[in-house]
Amino acid sequence: MSARTALVEYLTTLVASKPELEDIRVIPTIRYVGEISTPILIVKTNSLSKIAAAPRSGLLGSFTLTLVSPHQDIDRAEDDLEARLEVLLPSLFTWGLLWETADQAQYDENRICYDIQTTSVLN
């Protein structure tokens, strides 16, 4: 199983287990998702690299998780996303993800998102 697939499975289980996140749809790759009526969390693998101290057994994975609000009203979207981030970010460590930043961005012409930059040691 690939690291991305394992991460997607973890995130799918995680959001289903938390009432504040249970309506989030996890999208395993960057792609067209159609109409956005519920929040989505898109998983993107940025890079996989060797760990110099453990060249045979470990990789360092870098991922971007993009949390998109379905709300087109910016104030409502921002409040919604911030509340979800308060629950999501601490939960990422359970899978071994270290989040570095969560930067607000424009997802499309009507919606905002947060791009969460993460890394994890993969075996």
Protein backbone atom coordinates (compact mmCIF):
# COMPACT_ATOMS: atom_id res chain seq x y z
CA MET A 1 0.00 0.00 0.00
CA SER A 2 1.36 3.42 -0.91
CA ALA A 3 1.95 6.10 1.71
CA ARG A 4 -0.74 8.28 0.10
CA THR A 5 -3.26 5.43 0.16
CA ALA A 6 -2.51 4.73 3.84
CA LEU A 7 -2.86 8.43 4.63
CA VAL A 8 -6.19 8.66 2.78
CA GLU A 9 -7.49 5.64 4.72
CA TYR A 10 -6.40 7.21 8.00
CA LEU A 11 -7.99 10.57 7.16
CA THR A 12 -11.24 8.91 6.07
CA THR A 13 -11.43 7.03 9.37
CA LEU A 14 -10.44 10.13 11.34
CA VAL A 15 -13.10 12.44 9.90
CA ALA A 16 -15.78 9.77 10.35
CA SER A 17 -14.86 9.44 14.04
CA LYS A 18 -15.13 13.14 14.95
CA PRO A 19 -18.58 14.80 14.97
CA GLU A 20 -17.02 18.16 14.01
CA LEU A 21 -15.44 16.61 10.91
CA GLU A 22 -17.80 13.81 9.88
CA ASP A 23 -19.28 15.68 6.90
CA ILE A 24 -15.85 16.13 5.27
CA ARG A 25 -15.30 14.14 2.07
CA VAL A 26 -11.69 12.98 1.65
CA ILE A 27 -10.44 13.25 -1.94
CA PRO A 28 -7.39 11.01 -2.54
CA THR A 29 -5.81 13.01 -5.38
CA ILE A 30 -6.01 16.43 -6.98
CA ARG A 31 -8.88 16.32 -9.47
CA TYR A 32 -12.13 17.93 -10.47
CA VAL A 33 -14.66 17.23 -7.69
CA GLY A 34 -17.82 18.68 -9.16
CA GLU A 35 -20.19 20.76 -7.06
CA ILE A 36 -18.94 21.26 -3.52
CA SER A 37 -21.84 20.95 -1.09
CA THR A 38 -19.88 19.67 1.92
CA PRO A 39 -16.31 20.36 3.03
CA ILE A 40 -13.60 18.43 1.21
CA LEU A 41 -10.07 17.45 2.19
CA ILE A 42 -7.77 16.87 -0.80
CA VAL A 43 -4.57 14.85 -0.35
CA LYS A 44 -1.53 15.71 -2.45
CA THR A 45 1.86 14.01 -2.24
CA ASN A 46 4.53 16.67 -2.71
CA SER A 47 7.61 14.50 -2.42
CA LEU A 48 9.16 11.33 -1.06
CA SER A 49 12.85 11.54 -0.18
CA LYS A 50 15.51 9.41 1.45
CA ILE A 51 16.40 10.05 5.04
CA ALA A 52 20.17 10.47 5.14
CA ALA A 53 20.49 8.91 8.60
CA ALA A 54 18.47 5.83 7.58
CA PRO A 55 18.93 5.36 3.83
CA ARG A 56 17.66 1.76 3.71
CA SER A 57 14.62 1.85 5.90
CA GLY A 58 12.96 5.22 5.79
CA LEU A 59 11.51 7.85 3.58
CA LEU A 60 10.40 11.34 4.40
CA GLY A 61 6.98 12.07 2.91
CA SER A 62 5.78 15.60 2.29
CA PHE A 63 2.05 16.08 1.78
CA THR A 64 -0.35 18.98 1.32
CA LEU A 65 -3.83 18.55 2.75
CA THR A 66 -6.25 21.11 1.33
CA LEU A 67 -9.35 21.71 3.43
CA VAL A 68 -12.02 23.44 1.33
CA SER A 69 -15.17 25.09 2.65
CA PRO A 70 -18.38 24.70 0.66
CA HIS A 71 -19.51 28.17 1.79
CA GLN A 72 -19.23 30.99 -0.71
CA ASP A 73 -19.71 33.66 1.96
CA ILE A 74 -16.09 34.34 3.01
CA ASP A 75 -16.86 35.18 6.65
CA ARG A 76 -18.90 32.02 7.09
CA ALA A 77 -16.29 29.94 5.27
CA GLU A 78 -13.45 31.28 7.39
CA ASP A 79 -15.30 30.59 10.66
CA ASP A 80 -16.18 27.09 9.47
CA LEU A 81 -12.63 26.26 8.39
CA GLU A 82 -11.03 27.60 11.58
CA ALA A 83 -13.37 25.50 13.74
CA ARG A 84 -12.52 22.39 11.73
CA LEU A 85 -8.78 23.08 11.87
CA GLU A 86 -8.94 23.23 15.68
CA VAL A 87 -10.04 19.58 15.62
CA LEU A 88 -8.14 18.32 12.57
CA LEU A 89 -4.63 19.66 13.19
CA PRO A 90 -4.00 17.99 16.58
CA SER A 91 -5.39 14.73 15.18
CA LEU A 92 -2.83 14.53 12.38
CA PHE A 93 -0.07 13.56 14.77
CA THR A 94 -1.83 10.26 15.53
CA TRP A 95 -0.79 9.04 12.08
CA GLY A 96 2.68 10.50 12.51
CA LEU A 97 2.08 13.62 10.46
CA LEU A 98 3.80 16.77 11.61
CA TRP A 99 1.98 19.80 10.31
CA GLU A 100 4.14 22.80 9.62
CA THR A 101 1.76 25.47 8.44
CA ALA A 102 -1.90 25.92 7.58
CA ASP A 103 -2.12 28.74 5.06
CA GLN A 104 -5.37 30.24 3.86
CA ALA A 105 -5.68 30.28 0.08
CA GLN A 106 -8.25 30.78 -2.66
CA TYR A 107 -9.58 27.42 -3.86
CA ASP A 108 -11.66 28.72 -6.74
CA GLU A 109 -13.30 32.03 -7.58
CA ASN A 110 -15.98 31.51 -4.90
CA ARG A 111 -14.33 29.47 -2.13
CA ILE A 112 -11.43 29.61 0.27
CA CYS A 113 -9.37 26.79 1.69
CA TYR A 114 -6.46 26.05 3.97
CA ASP A 115 -3.37 24.31 2.60
CA ILE A 116 -1.86 22.28 5.43
CA GLN A 117 1.81 21.43 4.84
CA THR A 118 2.78 18.17 6.53
CA THR A 119 5.65 15.70 6.73
CA SER A 120 5.93 12.16 7.99
CA VAL A 121 8.61 9.49 8.28
CA LEU A 122 7.47 6.46 6.30
CA ASN A 123 8.79 2.93 6.76
